[in-house]
């Protein structure tokens, strides 16, 4: 349990350590919040408390709830932590006669704006599970209980990803890295986009060359929450 009596600096320090950030600079890169701002919060410097959008971005980067970080109330709720309620059914290893595969859920995401957690429902249109090579998952260090499969919607990521391509998302990996592709909760809608760092901010970008139609959008605070990194795709396109 975490005491509401802790101040913001103490809560942020604990959240940083739990999320695996070994420096203020690492948290700054992941959150988009300048390192001097993080340093002031950790050291309790300043007459005014941190801005709401600053704490929202730090909460997302540290996988904790905004309410806990801001006020010390409610659950800490680290995104992806085993102690939280499961967001999807546990993975099963494929049947004993073929243990070369893990069977993971193929799902539709159900999201709400500003909420870091998410719920899923089975994708029953063409099967609710998909088998992935066990040696591939183990070789890359992916825990299969945090892998889900979703279907790409729309044309914004062509030619990298086409509509109805299946992508595997590692929900345990929400660390922001320039140039990689992630699934996001963007204002309550699930999107798959490439993340780009530019002009001191994170941006959601599309691979489609028609940038007038698929223009980039700033990824900041509780309006843009990382669900997980896209680690594999399966496509009928040749």
Protein backbone atom coordinates (compact mmCIF):
# COMPACT_ATOMS: atom_id res chain seq x y z
CA UNK A 1 0.00 0.00 0.00
CA UNK A 2 1.15 3.56 -0.68
CA UNK A 3 0.39 6.30 1.79
CA UNK A 4 -1.49 9.39 0.59
CA UNK A 5 0.67 11.36 3.00
CA UNK A 6 3.71 11.02 0.72
CA UNK A 7 4.46 14.14 -1.28
CA UNK A 8 4.69 14.27 -5.07
CA UNK A 9 8.48 14.15 -5.08
CA UNK A 10 8.50 10.94 -3.05
CA UNK A 11 5.82 9.33 -5.20
CA UNK A 12 7.61 10.30 -8.41
CA UNK A 13 10.90 8.97 -7.10
CA UNK A 14 9.29 5.61 -6.24
CA UNK A 15 7.47 5.46 -9.57
CA UNK A 16 10.71 6.16 -11.47
CA UNK A 17 12.53 3.34 -9.72
CA UNK A 18 9.66 0.89 -10.19
CA UNK A 19 9.47 1.72 -13.91
CA UNK A 20 13.19 1.05 -14.32
CA UNK A 21 14.43 4.59 -15.06
CA UNK A 22 18.01 4.89 -13.85
CA UNK A 23 18.28 8.64 -14.30
CA UNK A 24 16.24 11.80 -14.64
CA UNK A 25 17.44 12.06 -18.23
CA UNK A 26 15.97 8.65 -19.06
CA UNK A 27 12.60 9.71 -17.67
CA UNK A 28 12.84 12.99 -19.59
CA UNK A 29 13.38 11.13 -22.86
CA UNK A 30 10.46 8.80 -22.21
CA UNK A 31 8.00 11.43 -20.99
CA UNK A 32 8.94 14.47 -23.06
CA UNK A 33 9.24 16.51 -19.86
CA UNK A 34 12.52 18.49 -19.61
CA UNK A 35 15.05 17.08 -17.15
CA UNK A 36 15.30 20.35 -15.16
CA UNK A 37 11.52 20.22 -14.59
CA UNK A 38 11.78 16.65 -13.31
CA UNK A 39 14.67 17.66 -11.06
CA UNK A 40 12.61 20.50 -9.55
CA UNK A 41 9.73 18.14 -8.82
CA UNK A 42 12.00 15.51 -7.23
CA UNK A 43 13.63 18.14 -5.05
CA UNK A 44 10.41 19.94 -4.14
CA UNK A 45 11.63 23.20 -5.65
CA UNK A 46 9.16 25.92 -6.59
CA UNK A 47 6.28 27.70 -4.93
CA UNK A 48 3.71 26.25 -7.31
CA UNK A 49 3.14 22.56 -7.81
CA UNK A 50 3.78 20.86 -11.16
CA UNK A 51 1.42 21.63 -14.02
CA UNK A 52 -1.32 19.09 -14.66
CA UNK A 53 -0.06 18.20 -18.14
CA UNK A 54 3.45 17.64 -16.71
CA UNK A 55 2.22 15.16 -14.10
CA UNK A 56 -0.01 13.45 -16.66
CA UNK A 57 2.97 12.84 -18.95
CA UNK A 58 5.14 11.60 -16.07
CA UNK A 59 2.37 9.28 -14.86
CA UNK A 60 2.06 7.73 -18.32
CA UNK A 61 5.82 7.27 -18.63
CA UNK A 62 6.05 5.68 -15.16
CA UNK A 63 2.95 3.50 -15.66
CA UNK A 64 1.09 4.89 -12.63
CA UNK A 65 -2.28 6.57 -12.33
CA UNK A 66 -2.43 10.35 -12.54
CA UNK A 67 -4.56 10.48 -9.35
CA UNK A 68 -1.96 8.56 -7.36
CA UNK A 69 0.95 10.66 -8.58
CA UNK A 70 -0.91 13.96 -8.18
CA UNK A 71 -2.75 13.44 -4.91
CA UNK A 72 -1.64 10.09 -3.50
CA UNK A 73 -5.19 8.75 -3.74
CA UNK A 74 -6.55 5.61 -5.34
CA UNK A 75 -4.53 2.72 -6.61
CA UNK A 76 -1.06 3.13 -7.95
CA UNK A 77 -1.98 0.79 -10.86
CA UNK A 78 1.24 0.23 -12.69
CA UNK A 79 0.28 -0.48 -16.29
CA UNK A 80 1.07 -4.11 -17.07
CA UNK A 81 1.96 -5.12 -13.50
CA UNK A 82 0.93 -8.69 -12.63
CA UNK A 83 -0.76 -7.46 -9.45
CA UNK A 84 -3.41 -5.57 -11.37
CA UNK A 85 -6.60 -7.17 -12.60
CA UNK A 86 -5.97 -9.03 -15.86
CA UNK A 87 -6.95 -7.06 -18.95
CA UNK A 88 -7.25 -10.10 -21.15
CA UNK A 89 -7.46 -13.86 -20.76
CA UNK A 90 -4.18 -15.58 -19.86
CA UNK A 91 -2.16 -17.00 -22.71
CA UNK A 92 -1.97 -20.74 -23.20
CA UNK A 93 0.76 -22.80 -24.75
CA UNK A 94 -0.56 -24.56 -27.84
CA UNK A 95 -1.68 -28.14 -27.39
CA UNK A 96 0.87 -30.69 -26.24
CA UNK A 97 1.22 -32.24 -29.67
CA UNK A 98 2.75 -29.00 -30.95
CA UNK A 99 4.62 -27.05 -28.28
CA UNK A 100 6.42 -24.92 -30.87
CA UNK A 101 3.81 -22.19 -30.46
CA UNK A 102 2.20 -19.93 -27.92
CA UNK A 103 -1.48 -19.19 -28.41
CA UNK A 104 -2.33 -15.58 -27.68
CA UNK A 105 -5.53 -13.58 -27.82
CA UNK A 106 -6.66 -11.77 -30.94
CA UNK A 107 -8.73 -8.89 -29.61
CA UNK A 108 -10.53 -5.62 -30.12
CA UNK A 109 -9.48 -2.86 -27.75
CA UNK A 110 -12.02 -1.01 -25.63
CA UNK A 111 -10.64 2.32 -24.42
CA UNK A 112 -11.66 5.52 -22.67
CA UNK A 113 -10.04 8.91 -23.12
CA UNK A 114 -7.45 9.69 -20.47
CA UNK A 115 -7.51 6.20 -18.93
CA UNK A 116 -4.19 4.36 -18.95
CA UNK A 117 -5.71 0.90 -18.51
CA UNK A 118 -7.65 -0.86 -21.20
CA UNK A 119 -10.07 -3.71 -21.72
CA UNK A 120 -10.31 -6.14 -24.58
CA UNK A 121 -12.91 -8.35 -26.15
CA UNK A 122 -12.25 -11.40 -28.35
CA UNK A 123 -12.03 -10.85 -32.08
CA UNK A 124 -14.44 -13.51 -33.30
CA UNK A 125 -14.62 -12.53 -36.97
CA UNK A 126 -11.82 -14.86 -38.04
CA UNK A 127 -10.77 -16.55 -34.83
CA UNK A 128 -10.12 -15.26 -31.33
CA UNK A 129 -6.58 -16.61 -30.93
CA UNK A 130 -3.41 -16.72 -32.96
CA UNK A 131 -0.37 -18.96 -32.62
CA UNK A 132 3.09 -17.38 -32.59
CA UNK A 133 6.43 -19.21 -32.72
CA UNK A 134 7.59 -20.00 -29.24
CA UNK A 135 11.27 -19.74 -30.12
CA UNK A 136 10.70 -16.24 -31.57
CA UNK A 137 9.00 -15.00 -28.39
CA UNK A 138 11.58 -16.60 -26.10
CA UNK A 139 14.52 -15.39 -28.20
CA UNK A 140 13.30 -11.80 -27.96
CA UNK A 141 12.44 -12.02 -24.29
CA UNK A 142 8.71 -11.46 -24.77
CA UNK A 143 6.46 -12.72 -21.99
CA UNK A 144 3.51 -14.20 -23.91
CA UNK A 145 1.00 -13.21 -21.22
CA UNK A 146 1.57 -9.58 -22.26
CA UNK A 147 1.22 -10.17 -26.01
CA UNK A 148 -2.03 -9.47 -27.84
CA UNK A 149 -2.94 -9.41 -31.51
CA UNK A 150 -5.05 -6.70 -33.13
CA UNK A 151 -6.12 -6.01 -36.71
CA UNK A 152 -4.90 -2.85 -38.42
CA UNK A 153 -7.66 -0.44 -39.44
CA UNK A 154 -7.40 2.12 -42.22
CA UNK A 155 -4.65 3.06 -44.66
CA UNK A 156 -2.58 5.49 -42.62
CA UNK A 157 0.37 3.11 -42.13
CA UNK A 158 0.68 1.91 -45.72
CA UNK A 159 2.97 0.61 -47.12
CA UNK A 160 4.37 -0.68 -43.81
CA UNK A 161 1.01 -1.96 -42.56
CA UNK A 162 -2.15 -2.52 -44.59
CA UNK A 163 -5.74 -2.68 -43.44
CA UNK A 164 -6.54 -6.10 -41.94
CA UNK A 165 -2.88 -6.92 -41.30
CA UNK A 166 -2.46 -8.56 -37.92
CA UNK A 167 0.05 -7.00 -35.54
CA UNK A 168 1.34 -8.40 -32.27
CA UNK A 169 1.63 -5.86 -29.45
CA UNK A 170 3.86 -6.28 -26.43
CA UNK A 171 1.87 -4.47 -23.74
CA UNK A 172 4.77 -4.82 -21.31
CA UNK A 173 6.88 -2.48 -23.45
CA UNK A 174 5.70 1.13 -23.23
CA UNK A 175 9.12 2.79 -23.19
CA UNK A 176 9.13 5.53 -25.83
CA UNK A 177 11.76 5.07 -28.55
CA UNK A 178 12.10 7.35 -31.56
CA UNK A 179 11.13 5.66 -34.82
CA UNK A 180 9.34 2.59 -33.45
CA UNK A 181 5.67 1.65 -33.99
CA UNK A 182 3.21 1.42 -31.10
CA UNK A 183 -0.46 1.00 -30.38
CA UNK A 184 -1.88 4.06 -28.63
CA UNK A 185 -4.98 5.16 -26.81
CA UNK A 186 -5.32 8.49 -28.59
CA UNK A 187 -8.20 10.49 -27.16
CA UNK A 188 -10.09 7.27 -26.44
CA UNK A 189 -9.48 5.67 -29.85
CA UNK A 190 -7.05 2.82 -30.63
CA UNK A 191 -4.45 3.78 -33.25
CA UNK A 192 -1.26 2.20 -34.55
CA UNK A 193 1.35 4.83 -35.38
CA UNK A 194 5.06 5.43 -35.66
CA UNK A 195 6.48 7.56 -32.84
CA UNK A 196 8.86 10.36 -33.77
CA UNK A 197 10.76 12.82 -31.59
CA UNK A 198 10.95 16.30 -33.11
CA UNK A 199 11.25 19.85 -31.80
CA UNK A 200 11.29 18.64 -28.21
CA UNK A 201 8.00 16.76 -28.51
CA UNK A 202 6.74 13.28 -29.34
CA UNK A 203 4.59 12.92 -32.47
CA UNK A 204 2.35 10.21 -33.85
CA UNK A 205 3.18 9.86 -37.53
CA UNK A 206 1.79 7.81 -40.40
CA UNK A 207 3.90 5.95 -42.95
CA UNK A 208 1.45 6.79 -45.72
CA UNK A 209 3.16 9.34 -48.00
CA UNK A 210 -0.04 11.41 -48.23
CA UNK A 211 0.89 13.57 -45.25
CA UNK A 212 -1.82 16.13 -46.00
CA UNK A 213 -4.44 13.48 -45.32
CA UNK A 214 -2.51 11.63 -42.62
CA UNK A 215 -0.75 14.48 -40.86
CA UNK A 216 1.20 13.97 -37.67
CA UNK A 217 -0.32 14.59 -34.24
CA UNK A 218 1.40 15.60 -31.04
CA UNK A 219 1.56 12.86 -28.40
CA UNK A 220 1.39 14.46 -24.97
CA UNK A 221 -0.15 13.76 -21.60
CA UNK A 222 -3.33 11.84 -20.94
CA UNK A 223 -4.63 12.30 -24.50
CA UNK A 224 -1.92 9.99 -25.88
CA UNK A 225 -1.28 6.82 -23.89
CA UNK A 226 0.98 3.99 -25.03
CA UNK A 227 -0.69 0.57 -24.99
CA UNK A 228 2.38 -1.30 -26.16
CA UNK A 229 4.97 -1.68 -28.89
CA UNK A 230 4.24 -3.45 -32.15
CA UNK A 231 6.73 -6.33 -32.33
CA UNK A 232 5.47 -8.50 -35.19
CA UNK A 233 3.12 -8.39 -38.16
CA UNK A 234 1.36 -10.98 -40.28
CA UNK A 235 0.09 -9.93 -43.66
CA UNK A 236 -1.46 -11.42 -46.80
CA UNK A 237 0.27 -8.70 -48.83
CA UNK A 238 3.21 -9.92 -50.90
